[in-house]
Amino acid sequence: MSAKDSKHTQLNVILYWHMHQPDYRDLRNGEYQQPWTYLHTIKDYVDMVAHLENNRSARAVVNFAPILLEQIEDYASQLENYLHHGKSLRDPLLAALIDPVLYLDTHRRLKLINSCLRANRQRLIERYPQFKTLADMALIAVKAPEKLAYYSEQYFIDLLVWYHLAWLGESVRRNDSRVKPLMNRACNYTIHDRHLLIELIHELISGVIARYRRLAESGRIELSLTPYAHPMMPLLMDLKCAEEAQPDIQLPLSPVYPGGAERCRWHMEQGLTVFKKHFGFAPAGCWPSEGGISGESIELVDDLGLNWLASGETVLRSSLDKSRLEQPPCIQDVYYYRDSRIACFFRDDGLSDLIGFKYSDWHADDAVANLVHHLETIARHCADRSAPVVSIIMDGENAWEHYPENGYYFLSALYEKLGSHKGLRLTTYSEYLKREQTSKARLERVVAGSWVYGNFSTWIGEKSKNRAWDMLVEAKKTYDKVVSAGTLDDERYRDATLQLATCESSDWFWWLGEYNSAEAVAMFDELFRLHLSNLYQLLEVESPDYLTRFFSVGTGSPAMGGAMRPGRQE
């Protein structure tokens, strides 16, 4: 394709990476129940920003859930206080890495071993022979716990160090002079070695948000947000909206989530406040949690003054079937809902899922060449469109542990090829809207749904998911009653409102149900009940007895561990 021809067929391409973790803290004492926030920070968030820093032609949109920003800030504060003010760490795994005395009874030994086995076997464990040896010994102990008594304290120290070394980002492994000597040491790590590693982790966590901010300020990336605690807004607003995409879906006993529209506005406004605090400016766009939208939720985001939002391809296709357009519809167009001012972009499921589920087993150059070929084909088919745009939207953290070297070669080649291609223009949503004269295609109806299959089946409709909604509804009714009574002081009201927000996160519903693994379901069942119990405690109301018992059981073995799902239903 010549440069002359590319003027008329240049295709706008947007890489949109979504970063989010639910709140893993027990808000009563600040102790973390799971380590995923800091582990993904030192591996994925630092690697993703490094790739963007290293290629000046790279452009991307990066989304941070506000509750994730707060947790990253909290980890940075914890580590600062540990290193310089003699305070303890509130994450048990991170504390075990650095605490001189491990206090290892049989229960703690087994728990520590299980924690350090939670990593991709092929990419994060078997890559390092010493870590593989330690992990193999851990598996023996899991099967025969009576052998744990013969494992030395040094074994657990080495296992902890290797676990964290394996979770370091590839950019860190290649560029930080402290890492290679630690890896070459291989075993018998000292307290000094552990201190070096904890200092490195502190530097990575405390500096990562500022690195994204600098790129945004220089115009090289765009930053966006989700509602504060990542709730599924359309369902909070109207549980029955799930019937729009699935008329025969089984819904919870409760017909409605009380005060849901007000809660959605609170999540959006709180999210904007947190975003401005961390980045110093207001975002122009929004990735509604899980790309979940409805006509009502679009109007809310529009009312708050944002310029754009994004959702899933199947939502668009379902909505186009219900809308009469003046010109033939195209998946590569931008759309507007009725008379709203906010631009709506939609995910290309095929291309996004190739990155999420297929390319991890390909050679990086072949994978990028294949993706570019698909984009070139789309560009030819859209040659008569005035401003075609392809949105590749996907998880920015969970995919890379399935790639060699945390996706280092794939991402490097991706930015290089897309950034230099004459027929493709890497851009951001705000740049696109400023530069292009779009057609202003209007959707008369939006069929409520998410980026996953275009419906809400991942969060509602299954027995245990519906049970969780009913538990949440009862907790919200109790919250409303206590707040109306005026018995809470300002501090307790604030704490209860934040705890309620955590309970409203979409993540609990994602992980509940038979589709997921037994381990994941048990973990999130427990977390959900913990958060609900904490809410009742803050409200000074006795918790319902059912919160003492598990209510969901997982029996599945989903692709990628269940952390990601494809946009299209096979």
Protein backbone atom coordinates (compact mmCIF):
# COMPACT_ATOMS: atom_id res chain seq x y z
CA MET A 1 0.00 0.00 0.00
CA SER A 2 1.52 3.32 -1.03
CA ALA A 3 1.60 6.40 1.15
CA LYS A 4 -0.62 8.16 -1.40
CA ASP A 5 -3.28 5.44 -1.27
CA SER A 6 -3.11 5.23 2.52
CA LYS A 7 -4.40 8.80 2.79
CA HIS A 8 -7.78 7.62 1.59
CA THR A 9 -7.93 4.29 3.42
CA GLN A 10 -6.16 5.01 6.68
CA LEU A 11 -7.87 3.08 9.46
CA ASN A 12 -8.04 4.46 13.00
CA VAL A 13 -6.94 1.82 15.50
CA ILE A 14 -7.40 2.17 19.25
CA LEU A 15 -5.73 -0.15 21.76
CA TYR A 16 -7.72 0.08 24.97
CA TRP A 17 -6.27 -1.68 28.02
CA HIS A 18 -8.48 -2.12 31.09
CA MET A 19 -6.78 -2.39 34.51
CA HIS A 20 -8.86 -3.41 37.48
CA GLN A 21 -8.86 -5.45 40.66
CA PRO A 22 -11.68 -5.56 43.24
CA ASP A 23 -11.05 -4.33 46.75
CA TYR A 24 -9.27 -7.17 48.53
CA ARG A 25 -9.03 -5.29 51.84
CA ASP A 26 -10.89 -6.08 55.00
CA LEU A 27 -11.92 -2.46 55.53
CA ARG A 28 -12.10 -2.88 59.30
CA ASN A 29 -8.34 -3.32 59.67
CA GLY A 30 -6.98 -2.72 56.17
CA GLU A 31 -5.57 -6.26 55.89
CA TYR A 32 -5.48 -7.69 52.38
CA GLN A 33 -7.18 -11.03 51.81
CA GLN A 34 -5.54 -11.62 48.43
CA PRO A 35 -2.26 -10.30 46.92
CA TRP A 36 -3.36 -9.76 43.32
CA THR A 37 -3.26 -5.98 43.35
CA TYR A 38 0.42 -5.67 44.19
CA LEU A 39 1.44 -8.70 42.13
CA HIS A 40 -0.21 -7.33 38.99
CA THR A 41 1.31 -3.94 39.70
CA ILE A 42 4.90 -5.19 39.80
CA LYS A 43 4.36 -7.38 36.73
CA ASP A 44 1.70 -6.01 34.39
CA TYR A 45 1.10 -2.35 35.17
CA VAL A 46 4.83 -1.56 35.12
CA ASP A 47 5.39 -3.59 31.94
CA MET A 48 2.47 -2.01 30.10
CA VAL A 49 3.64 1.51 30.86
CA ALA A 50 7.25 0.60 29.97
CA HIS A 51 6.22 -0.49 26.47
CA LEU A 52 4.41 2.81 25.97
CA GLU A 53 7.38 4.78 27.27
CA ASN A 54 9.81 2.92 25.02
CA ASN A 55 8.01 3.56 21.73
CA ARG A 56 7.28 7.20 20.97
CA SER A 57 4.91 6.29 18.14
CA ALA A 58 2.80 4.14 20.46
CA ARG A 59 -0.66 5.36 21.43
CA ALA A 60 -3.20 3.70 23.68
CA VAL A 61 -6.09 4.31 26.01
CA VAL A 62 -5.59 2.93 29.52
CA ASN A 63 -8.43 2.49 31.97
CA PHE A 64 -7.95 2.32 35.74
CA ALA A 65 -10.73 1.35 38.12
CA PRO A 66 -10.68 3.93 40.93
CA ILE A 67 -10.74 1.23 43.62
CA LEU A 68 -7.55 -0.13 42.05
CA LEU A 69 -5.87 3.29 42.19
CA GLU A 70 -6.68 3.50 45.89
CA GLN A 71 -5.21 0.05 46.56
CA ILE A 72 -2.00 0.84 44.67
CA GLU A 73 -1.67 4.02 46.70
CA ASP A 74 -2.31 2.04 49.89
CA TYR A 75 0.41 -0.49 49.06
CA ALA A 76 2.86 2.34 48.36
CA SER A 77 2.00 3.86 51.74
CA GLN A 78 2.34 0.51 53.52
CA LEU A 79 5.78 -0.11 52.07
CA GLU A 80 6.93 3.42 52.82
CA ASN A 81 5.83 3.05 56.43
CA TYR A 82 7.47 -0.36 56.70
CA LEU A 83 10.80 0.71 55.26
CA HIS A 84 11.09 4.09 56.94
CA HIS A 85 8.75 4.22 59.92
CA GLY A 86 8.83 0.76 61.48
CA LYS A 87 5.22 -0.13 60.66
CA SER A 88 3.92 -3.58 59.78
CA LEU A 89 2.66 -4.66 56.38
CA ARG A 90 -1.02 -5.50 55.99
CA ASP A 91 -0.62 -8.04 53.22
CA PRO A 92 0.28 -11.47 54.67
CA LEU A 93 2.22 -12.67 51.61
CA LEU A 94 4.21 -9.46 51.27
CA ALA A 95 4.89 -9.50 55.00
CA ALA A 96 6.12 -13.10 54.82
CA LEU A 97 8.61 -12.08 52.13
CA ILE A 98 10.37 -9.60 54.41
CA ASP A 99 9.60 -10.52 58.03
CA PRO A 100 12.76 -11.97 59.67
CA VAL A 101 10.70 -14.51 61.62
CA LEU A 102 8.07 -16.46 59.69
CA TYR A 103 6.23 -18.13 62.62
CA LEU A 104 5.62 -21.25 60.55
CA ASP A 105 3.23 -23.70 62.17
CA THR A 106 1.76 -26.45 59.99
CA HIS A 107 -1.26 -24.38 58.94
CA ARG A 108 0.87 -21.38 57.94
CA ARG A 109 3.34 -23.57 56.07
CA LEU A 110 0.57 -25.09 54.00
CA LYS A 111 -1.08 -21.74 53.36
CA LEU A 112 2.23 -20.22 52.28
CA ILE A 113 2.97 -23.09 49.93
CA ASN A 114 -0.47 -22.86 48.33
CA SER A 115 -0.06 -19.11 47.88
CA CYS A 116 3.28 -19.54 46.13
CA LEU A 117 1.85 -22.10 43.73
CA ARG A 118 -0.70 -19.62 42.41
CA ALA A 119 1.14 -18.70 39.23
CA ASN A 120 1.07 -19.81 35.61
CA ARG A 121 2.92 -23.10 35.65
CA GLN A 122 4.37 -22.87 32.14
CA ARG A 123 5.29 -19.19 32.01
CA LEU A 124 6.05 -18.18 35.60
CA ILE A 125 7.27 -21.39 37.25
CA GLU A 126 8.87 -23.70 34.69
CA ARG A 127 10.77 -20.81 33.12
CA TYR A 128 13.11 -20.85 36.14
CA PRO A 129 14.64 -24.24 37.08
CA GLN A 130 15.19 -23.27 40.71
CA PHE A 131 11.62 -22.05 41.12
CA LYS A 132 10.35 -25.23 39.43
CA THR A 133 12.29 -27.35 41.92
CA LEU A 134 10.80 -25.43 44.83
CA ALA A 135 7.31 -25.64 43.32
CA ASP A 136 7.64 -29.39 42.77
CA MET A 137 8.57 -29.79 46.42
CA ALA A 138 5.54 -27.65 47.32
CA LEU A 139 3.23 -29.96 45.35
CA ILE A 140 4.60 -32.96 47.25
CA ALA A 141 3.81 -31.22 50.53
CA VAL A 142 0.29 -30.32 49.41
CA LYS A 143 -0.39 -33.98 48.69
CA ALA A 144 1.31 -35.15 51.89
CA PRO A 145 1.13 -32.38 54.54
CA GLU A 146 2.82 -34.62 57.12
CA LYS A 147 6.08 -34.02 55.24
CA LEU A 148 5.95 -30.28 55.93
CA ALA A 149 7.76 -30.71 59.24
CA TYR A 150 10.91 -31.65 57.32
CA TYR A 151 10.94 -28.50 55.19
CA SER A 152 13.40 -25.94 56.56
CA GLU A 153 12.70 -22.27 57.07
CA GLN A 154 15.24 -21.55 54.34
CA TYR A 155 13.06 -23.49 51.90
CA PHE A 156 10.12 -21.16 52.59
CA ILE A 157 12.34 -18.07 52.30
CA ASP A 158 13.66 -19.22 48.93
CA LEU A 159 10.16 -20.10 47.75
CA LEU A 160 8.89 -16.62 48.68
CA VAL A 161 11.80 -14.86 46.98
CA TRP A 162 11.41 -16.87 43.78
CA TYR A 163 7.66 -16.34 43.71
CA HIS A 164 8.17 -12.59 43.76
CA LEU A 165 11.07 -12.69 41.31
CA ALA A 166 8.86 -14.61 38.88
CA TRP A 167 6.10 -12.02 39.24
CA LEU A 168 8.38 -9.11 38.34
CA GLY A 169 7.67 -7.45 35.02
CA GLU A 170 9.92 -8.34 32.12
CA SER A 171 10.96 -4.70 31.76
CA VAL A 172 12.13 -4.77 35.38
CA ARG A 173 13.96 -8.07 34.94
CA ARG A 174 15.86 -6.67 31.95
CA ASN A 175 16.62 -3.17 33.19
CA ASP A 176 17.01 -3.18 36.98
CA SER A 177 20.55 -4.06 38.08
CA ARG A 178 19.33 -5.61 41.35
CA VAL A 179 17.34 -8.40 39.73
CA LYS A 180 19.96 -10.44 37.87
CA PRO A 181 22.23 -10.95 40.92
CA LEU A 182 19.23 -12.10 42.94
CA MET A 183 18.25 -14.59 40.28
CA ASN A 184 21.83 -15.80 39.84
CA ARG A 185 22.07 -16.44 43.57
CA ALA A 186 19.36 -19.09 43.08
CA CYS A 187 19.03 -20.18 46.73
CA ASN A 188 19.93 -19.50 50.36
CA TYR A 189 18.57 -15.96 50.24
CA THR A 190 19.47 -13.71 53.17
CA ILE A 191 17.50 -11.00 54.92
CA HIS A 192 19.60 -8.51 52.95
CA ASP A 193 18.46 -10.09 49.66
CA ARG A 194 14.87 -9.93 50.79
CA HIS A 195 15.28 -6.30 51.79
CA LEU A 196 16.64 -5.45 48.35
CA LEU A 197 13.62 -7.11 46.77
CA ILE A 198 11.15 -5.31 49.00
CA GLU A 199 12.83 -1.97 48.20
CA LEU A 200 12.45 -2.72 44.49
CA ILE A 201 8.79 -3.62 44.94
CA HIS A 202 8.26 -0.36 46.82
CA GLU A 203 9.84 1.66 44.02
CA LEU A 204 7.75 -0.04 41.36
CA ILE A 205 4.46 0.40 43.19
CA SER A 206 5.05 3.96 44.39
CA GLY A 207 6.10 5.17 40.94
CA VAL A 208 3.77 3.42 38.54
CA ILE A 209 0.78 5.80 38.57
CA ALA A 210 3.02 8.83 38.00
CA ARG A 211 4.48 7.12 34.93
CA TYR A 212 1.03 6.80 33.34
CA ARG A 213 0.22 10.38 34.32
CA ARG A 214 3.32 11.72 32.57
CA LEU A 215 2.45 9.87 29.37
CA ALA A 216 -1.08 11.25 29.50
CA GLU A 217 0.15 14.79 30.11
CA SER A 218 2.44 14.51 27.08
CA GLY A 219 -0.46 13.34 24.89
CA ARG A 220 0.95 9.89 24.24
CA ILE A 221 -1.86 8.00 25.97
CA GLU A 222 -5.36 8.74 27.17
CA LEU A 223 -6.57 7.71 30.61
CA SER A 224 -10.17 6.81 31.45
CA LEU A 225 -12.11 5.43 34.38
CA THR A 226 -14.82 3.02 35.45
CA PRO A 227 -17.37 3.71 38.20
CA TYR A 228 -15.69 3.72 41.60
CA ALA A 229 -15.92 0.10 42.83
CA HIS A 230 -16.63 -1.46 39.42
CA PRO A 231 -20.40 -2.08 39.79
CA MET A 232 -22.52 -3.35 36.91
CA MET A 233 -24.50 -0.13 36.52
CA PRO A 234 -27.36 -1.32 34.26
CA LEU A 235 -28.25 -4.07 36.74
CA LEU A 236 -28.08 -1.72 39.72
CA MET A 237 -30.44 0.59 37.86
CA ASP A 238 -32.84 -2.14 36.75
CA LEU A 239 -32.34 -5.87 37.35
CA LYS A 240 -34.96 -6.63 34.73
CA CYS A 241 -32.85 -5.02 32.00
CA ALA A 242 -31.09 -8.42 31.80
CA GLU A 243 -34.21 -9.65 29.99
CA GLU A 244 -33.54 -7.36 27.02
CA ALA A 245 -30.78 -9.62 25.71
CA GLN A 246 -32.09 -12.82 27.39
CA PRO A 247 -35.90 -12.77 27.65
CA ASP A 248 -36.01 -16.18 29.37
CA ILE A 249 -33.34 -15.43 32.02
CA GLN A 250 -34.11 -16.38 35.63
CA LEU A 251 -33.85 -13.29 37.83
CA PRO A 252 -33.32 -12.91 41.61
CA LEU A 253 -36.28 -12.91 43.97
CA SER A 254 -36.01 -9.16 44.43
CA PRO A 255 -37.55 -7.24 41.52
CA VAL A 256 -35.26 -4.27 41.96
CA TYR A 257 -32.06 -3.06 43.61
CA PRO A 258 -33.27 -0.26 45.91
CA GLY A 259 -31.97 3.19 45.02
CA GLY A 260 -29.84 1.77 42.25
CA ALA A 261 -29.81 4.84 40.03
CA GLU A 262 -28.60 7.01 42.92
CA ARG A 263 -25.90 4.45 43.73
CA CYS A 264 -24.69 4.51 40.12
CA ARG A 265 -24.40 8.27 40.20
CA TRP A 266 -22.48 8.00 43.48
CA HIS A 267 -20.06 5.46 41.95
CA MET A 268 -19.48 7.71 38.94
CA GLU A 269 -18.98 10.86 41.00
CA GLN A 270 -16.73 9.10 43.52
CA GLY A 271 -14.79 7.57 40.67
CA LEU A 272 -14.22 10.99 39.11
CA THR A 273 -13.01 12.34 42.46
CA VAL A 274 -10.49 9.52 42.89
CA PHE A 275 -9.32 9.80 39.28
CA LYS A 276 -8.69 13.56 39.61
CA LYS A 277 -6.82 13.02 42.86
CA HIS A 278 -4.38 10.57 41.29
CA PHE A 279 -3.95 12.08 37.84
CA GLY A 280 -4.61 15.80 38.41
CA PHE A 281 -7.21 16.22 35.66
CA ALA A 282 -10.67 14.97 34.72
CA PRO A 283 -11.04 12.09 32.26
CA ALA A 284 -12.86 12.51 28.98
CA GLY A 285 -14.06 8.93 28.74
CA CYS A 286 -15.38 5.90 30.55
CA TRP A 287 -15.24 2.13 30.28
CA PRO A 288 -18.44 1.25 32.16
CA SER A 289 -17.73 -1.78 34.32
CA GLU A 290 -17.41 -4.79 31.99
CA GLY A 291 -18.63 -2.60 29.14
CA GLY A 292 -22.10 -2.90 30.66
CA ILE A 293 -24.51 -0.32 29.26
CA SER A 294 -28.18 0.42 28.91
CA GLY A 295 -29.98 3.48 27.63
CA GLU A 296 -30.40 4.71 31.22
CA SER A 297 -26.71 4.26 32.09
CA ILE A 298 -25.57 6.02 28.91
CA GLU A 299 -27.73 9.01 29.86
CA LEU A 300 -26.12 9.08 33.32
CA VAL A 301 -22.57 9.12 31.93
CA ASP A 302 -23.62 11.74 29.39
CA ASP A 303 -25.17 13.87 32.12
CA LEU A 304 -21.85 13.90 34.00
CA GLY A 305 -20.16 15.55 31.04
CA LEU A 306 -17.93 12.80 29.69
CA ASN A 307 -17.27 12.78 25.95
CA TRP A 308 -17.15 9.07 25.18
CA LEU A 309 -17.71 5.56 26.49
CA ALA A 310 -17.07 2.07 25.13
CA SER A 311 -18.88 -1.25 25.22
CA GLY A 312 -19.01 -4.62 23.46
CA GLU A 313 -19.61 -5.51 19.82
CA THR A 314 -22.58 -7.79 20.48
CA VAL A 315 -24.33 -4.97 22.36
CA LEU A 316 -24.01 -2.85 19.24
CA ARG A 317 -25.20 -5.61 16.92
CA SER A 318 -28.26 -6.26 19.10
CA SER A 319 -28.99 -2.54 19.31
CA LEU A 320 -28.65 -2.04 15.54
CA ASP A 321 -31.33 -4.70 15.05
CA LYS A 322 -33.69 -2.53 17.12
CA SER A 323 -32.74 0.83 15.55
CA ARG A 324 -33.60 2.28 12.15
CA LEU A 325 -30.58 4.08 10.71
CA GLU A 326 -30.47 6.44 7.76
CA GLN A 327 -27.43 4.67 6.30
CA PRO A 328 -26.21 1.06 6.42
CA PRO A 329 -24.63 0.39 9.84
CA CYS A 330 -20.97 -0.46 10.28
CA ILE A 331 -19.23 -1.93 13.32
CA GLN A 332 -16.33 0.45 12.67
CA ASP A 333 -18.47 3.59 13.16
CA VAL A 334 -19.00 5.69 16.28
CA TYR A 335 -22.59 5.90 17.52
CA TYR A 336 -24.73 8.17 19.68
CA TYR A 337 -27.75 7.14 21.71
CA ARG A 338 -30.84 9.17 20.77
CA ASP A 339 -30.12 12.83 21.52
CA SER A 340 -27.17 12.27 23.88
CA ARG A 341 -23.87 14.04 23.25
CA ILE A 342 -21.63 11.18 24.33
CA ALA A 343 -19.87 9.14 21.63
CA CYS A 344 -20.20 5.36 21.96
CA PHE A 345 -17.45 3.08 20.65
CA PHE A 346 -17.66 -0.69 20.41
CA ARG A 347 -15.12 -3.46 20.82
CA ASP A 348 -14.01 -5.58 17.88
CA ASP A 349 -14.54 -8.97 19.51
CA GLY A 350 -12.65 -10.99 16.93
CA LEU A 351 -9.39 -9.01 17.10
CA SER A 352 -9.56 -8.46 20.87
CA ASP A 353 -10.11 -12.15 21.56
CA LEU A 354 -7.22 -13.13 19.30
CA ILE A 355 -4.91 -11.24 21.66
CA GLY A 356 -6.63 -12.53 24.77
CA PHE A 357 -6.97 -16.19 23.86
CA LYS A 358 -5.02 -17.19 20.73
CA TYR A 359 -1.78 -15.31 20.21
CA SER A 360 -0.15 -16.36 23.47
CA ASP A 361 0.92 -19.64 21.81
CA TRP A 362 2.15 -18.00 18.60
CA HIS A 363 5.54 -16.56 17.77
CA ALA A 364 5.25 -12.83 18.49
CA ASP A 365 6.12 -11.73 14.96
CA ASP A 366 3.59 -14.14 13.44
CA ALA A 367 0.88 -12.98 15.84
CA VAL A 368 1.43 -9.30 15.10
CA ALA A 369 1.62 -9.97 11.34
CA ASN A 370 -1.69 -11.81 11.57
CA LEU A 371 -3.32 -8.96 13.48
CA VAL A 372 -2.00 -6.38 11.01
CA HIS A 373 -3.33 -8.50 8.13
CA HIS A 374 -6.80 -8.47 9.70
CA LEU A 375 -6.62 -4.69 10.15
CA GLU A 376 -5.51 -4.19 6.55
CA THR A 377 -8.50 -6.24 5.41
CA ILE A 378 -10.84 -4.11 7.51
CA ALA A 379 -9.23 -0.96 6.08
CA ARG A 380 -9.97 -2.12 2.52
CA HIS A 381 -13.56 -2.97 3.37
CA CYS A 382 -14.01 0.43 5.06
CA ALA A 383 -12.36 2.44 2.28
CA ASP A 384 -15.64 4.24 1.53
CA ARG A 385 -16.29 5.18 5.19
CA SER A 386 -15.37 8.69 6.29
CA ALA A 387 -13.73 7.85 9.62
CA PRO A 388 -13.57 4.11 10.34
CA VAL A 389 -12.31 3.13 13.77
CA VAL A 390 -11.40 -0.26 15.23
CA SER A 391 -11.45 -0.66 19.00
CA ILE A 392 -9.29 -3.46 20.40
CA ILE A 393 -10.41 -3.58 24.01
CA MET A 394 -9.19 -6.13 26.52
CA ASP A 395 -7.88 -6.95 29.94
CA GLY A 396 -4.55 -5.20 30.40
CA GLU A 397 -3.24 -7.48 33.15
CA ASN A 398 -4.38 -11.10 33.09
CA ALA A 399 -3.47 -12.03 29.52
CA TRP A 400 0.28 -11.59 29.73
CA GLU A 401 1.17 -14.38 32.14
CA HIS A 402 0.04 -16.76 29.38
CA TYR A 403 2.55 -15.23 26.95
CA PRO A 404 6.31 -15.93 26.91
CA GLU A 405 8.22 -13.26 28.87
CA ASN A 406 4.98 -11.58 29.98
CA GLY A 407 4.14 -10.61 26.41
CA TYR A 408 7.37 -8.63 26.05
CA TYR A 409 8.07 -9.56 22.43
CA PHE A 410 4.43 -9.44 21.36
CA LEU A 411 3.77 -5.99 22.83
CA SER A 412 7.06 -4.57 21.55
CA ALA A 413 6.30 -5.77 18.02
CA LEU A 414 2.66 -4.69 18.28
CA TYR A 415 3.49 -1.06 19.03
CA GLU A 416 6.32 -0.98 16.51
CA LYS A 417 4.26 -2.38 13.61
CA LEU A 418 1.08 -0.45 14.29
CA GLY A 419 2.95 2.78 15.04
CA SER A 420 4.87 2.69 11.75
CA HIS A 421 2.17 1.34 9.39
CA LYS A 422 1.19 3.84 6.71
CA GLY A 423 -2.36 2.57 6.40
CA LEU A 424 -3.12 2.38 10.11
CA ARG A 425 -3.28 5.23 12.60
CA LEU A 426 -2.80 4.39 16.27
CA THR A 427 -4.83 6.94 18.17
CA THR A 428 -6.98 7.57 21.25
CA TYR A 429 -10.69 8.23 21.53
CA SER A 430 -10.30 11.92 22.34
CA GLU A 431 -7.82 12.45 19.49
CA TYR A 432 -10.19 10.66 17.14
CA LEU A 433 -13.17 12.81 18.13
CA LYS A 434 -11.17 16.02 17.73
CA ARG A 435 -9.75 15.09 14.34
CA GLU A 436 -12.52 13.24 12.54
CA GLN A 437 -15.86 14.44 11.25
CA THR A 438 -18.06 11.52 12.27
CA SER A 439 -21.47 10.68 10.84
CA LYS A 440 -23.39 11.09 14.13
CA ALA A 441 -25.24 7.80 13.61
CA ARG A 442 -28.02 7.57 16.20
CA LEU A 443 -29.20 4.46 17.99
CA GLU A 444 -32.90 4.60 18.78
CA ARG A 445 -32.50 1.75 21.26
CA VAL A 446 -29.67 0.20 23.21
CA VAL A 447 -30.20 -3.43 24.15
CA ALA A 448 -28.74 -3.60 27.65
CA GLY A 449 -25.71 -5.87 27.86
CA SER A 450 -21.99 -6.22 28.49
CA TRP A 451 -18.91 -6.95 26.41
CA VAL A 452 -19.22 -10.63 27.40
CA TYR A 453 -21.70 -12.23 24.94
CA GLY A 454 -23.68 -8.97 24.79
CA ASN A 455 -25.72 -9.93 27.85
CA PHE A 456 -25.41 -10.14 31.64
CA SER A 457 -25.29 -13.94 32.07
CA THR A 458 -21.84 -13.72 33.66
CA TRP A 459 -23.30 -11.72 36.58
CA ILE A 460 -26.95 -12.77 36.94
CA GLY A 461 -29.30 -15.64 36.09
CA GLU A 462 -27.43 -18.57 37.63
CA LYS A 463 -28.68 -19.81 41.02
CA SER A 464 -25.75 -18.66 43.18
CA LYS A 465 -25.40 -15.35 41.32
CA ASN A 466 -29.08 -14.62 41.94
CA ARG A 467 -28.65 -15.60 45.58
CA ALA A 468 -25.81 -13.09 45.86
CA TRP A 469 -28.04 -10.37 44.43
CA ASP A 470 -30.72 -11.15 46.99
CA MET A 471 -28.12 -10.95 49.79
CA LEU A 472 -26.95 -7.59 48.44
CA VAL A 473 -30.50 -6.27 48.17
CA GLU A 474 -31.19 -7.18 51.81
CA ALA A 475 -28.00 -5.47 52.91
CA LYS A 476 -28.89 -2.34 50.93
CA LYS A 477 -32.35 -2.24 52.53
CA THR A 478 -30.71 -2.44 55.97
CA TYR A 479 -28.28 0.33 54.99
CA ASP A 480 -31.15 2.55 53.81
CA LYS A 481 -33.11 1.94 57.02
CA VAL A 482 -30.19 2.76 59.31
CA VAL A 483 -29.20 5.84 57.31
CA SER A 484 -32.79 7.10 57.35
CA ALA A 485 -32.88 6.69 61.13
CA GLY A 486 -29.95 9.10 61.43
CA THR A 487 -28.09 7.04 64.04
CA LEU A 488 -24.70 7.02 62.25
CA ASP A 489 -22.13 9.74 62.87
CA ASP A 490 -20.32 11.21 59.87
CA GLU A 491 -17.36 8.83 60.07
CA ARG A 492 -19.48 5.71 60.43
CA TYR A 493 -21.76 6.86 57.58
CA ARG A 494 -18.75 7.39 55.31
CA ASP A 495 -17.26 4.00 56.19
CA ALA A 496 -20.59 2.21 55.68
CA THR A 497 -21.10 3.90 52.32
CA LEU A 498 -17.65 2.84 51.12
CA GLN A 499 -18.24 -0.68 52.38
CA LEU A 500 -21.55 -0.81 50.53
CA ALA A 501 -19.74 0.27 47.36
CA THR A 502 -17.33 -2.65 47.71
CA CYS A 503 -20.27 -5.03 48.14
CA GLU A 504 -21.75 -3.67 44.88
CA SER A 505 -18.68 -4.63 42.83
CA SER A 506 -19.40 -6.78 39.79
CA ASP A 507 -16.47 -9.07 40.60
CA TRP A 508 -18.26 -11.16 43.22
CA PHE A 509 -20.95 -12.08 40.69
CA TRP A 510 -18.38 -12.80 37.96
CA TRP A 511 -16.62 -15.45 40.06
CA LEU A 512 -19.65 -17.13 41.63
CA GLY A 513 -21.20 -20.12 39.90
CA GLU A 514 -20.33 -23.59 38.61
CA TYR A 515 -18.46 -22.30 35.53
CA ASN A 516 -15.44 -21.28 37.63
CA SER A 517 -12.94 -23.40 39.52
CA ALA A 518 -13.66 -24.61 43.05
CA GLU A 519 -10.72 -22.60 44.46
CA ALA A 520 -11.76 -19.32 42.80
CA VAL A 521 -15.42 -19.66 43.76
CA ALA A 522 -14.57 -20.46 47.39
CA MET A 523 -12.26 -17.44 47.56
CA PHE A 524 -14.77 -14.94 46.17
CA ASP A 525 -17.73 -16.44 48.01
CA GLU A 526 -15.79 -15.86 51.22
CA LEU A 527 -14.77 -12.32 50.26
CA PHE A 528 -18.31 -11.35 49.32
CA ARG A 529 -19.70 -12.61 52.61
CA LEU A 530 -16.89 -10.87 54.51
CA HIS A 531 -17.74 -7.53 52.90
CA LEU A 532 -21.45 -7.94 53.58
CA SER A 533 -20.75 -8.91 57.20
CA ASN A 534 -18.54 -5.84 57.62
CA LEU A 535 -21.34 -3.65 56.30
CA TYR A 536 -23.78 -5.02 58.87
CA GLN A 537 -21.19 -4.48 61.61
CA LEU A 538 -20.68 -0.85 60.57
CA LEU A 539 -24.44 -0.39 60.61
CA GLU A 540 -24.53 -1.94 64.12
CA VAL A 541 -27.00 -4.56 62.94
CA GLU A 542 -26.55 -8.29 63.56
CA SER A 543 -25.47 -10.12 60.41
CA PRO A 544 -27.87 -12.68 58.94
CA ASP A 545 -26.95 -16.24 59.81
CA TYR A 546 -26.63 -17.20 56.13
CA LEU A 547 -23.46 -15.12 55.87
CA THR A 548 -21.67 -17.76 57.94
CA ARG A 549 -22.06 -20.39 55.20
CA PHE A 550 -20.73 -20.89 51.69
CA PHE A 551 -23.49 -20.67 49.10
CA SER A 552 -21.67 -21.19 45.77
CA VAL A 553 -19.63 -24.13 44.49
CA GLY A 554 -17.39 -24.11 41.43
CA THR A 555 -16.79 -27.21 39.35
CA GLY A 556 -15.34 -25.78 36.14
CA SER A 557 -11.94 -25.35 34.57
CA PRO A 558 -12.36 -22.24 32.39
CA ALA A 559 -9.84 -20.98 29.87
CA MET A 560 -7.20 -18.62 31.28
CA GLY A 561 -8.31 -19.59 34.79
CA GLY A 562 -11.57 -17.70 34.34
CA ALA A 563 -9.96 -14.27 34.74
CA MET A 564 -10.85 -13.44 31.12
CA ARG A 565 -13.71 -14.41 28.84
CA PRO A 566 -14.25 -14.03 25.11
CA GLY A 567 -16.64 -11.42 23.79
CA ARG A 568 -18.48 -13.89 21.60
CA GLN A 569 -20.31 -16.98 22.78
CA GLU A 570 -19.13 -20.06 20.91
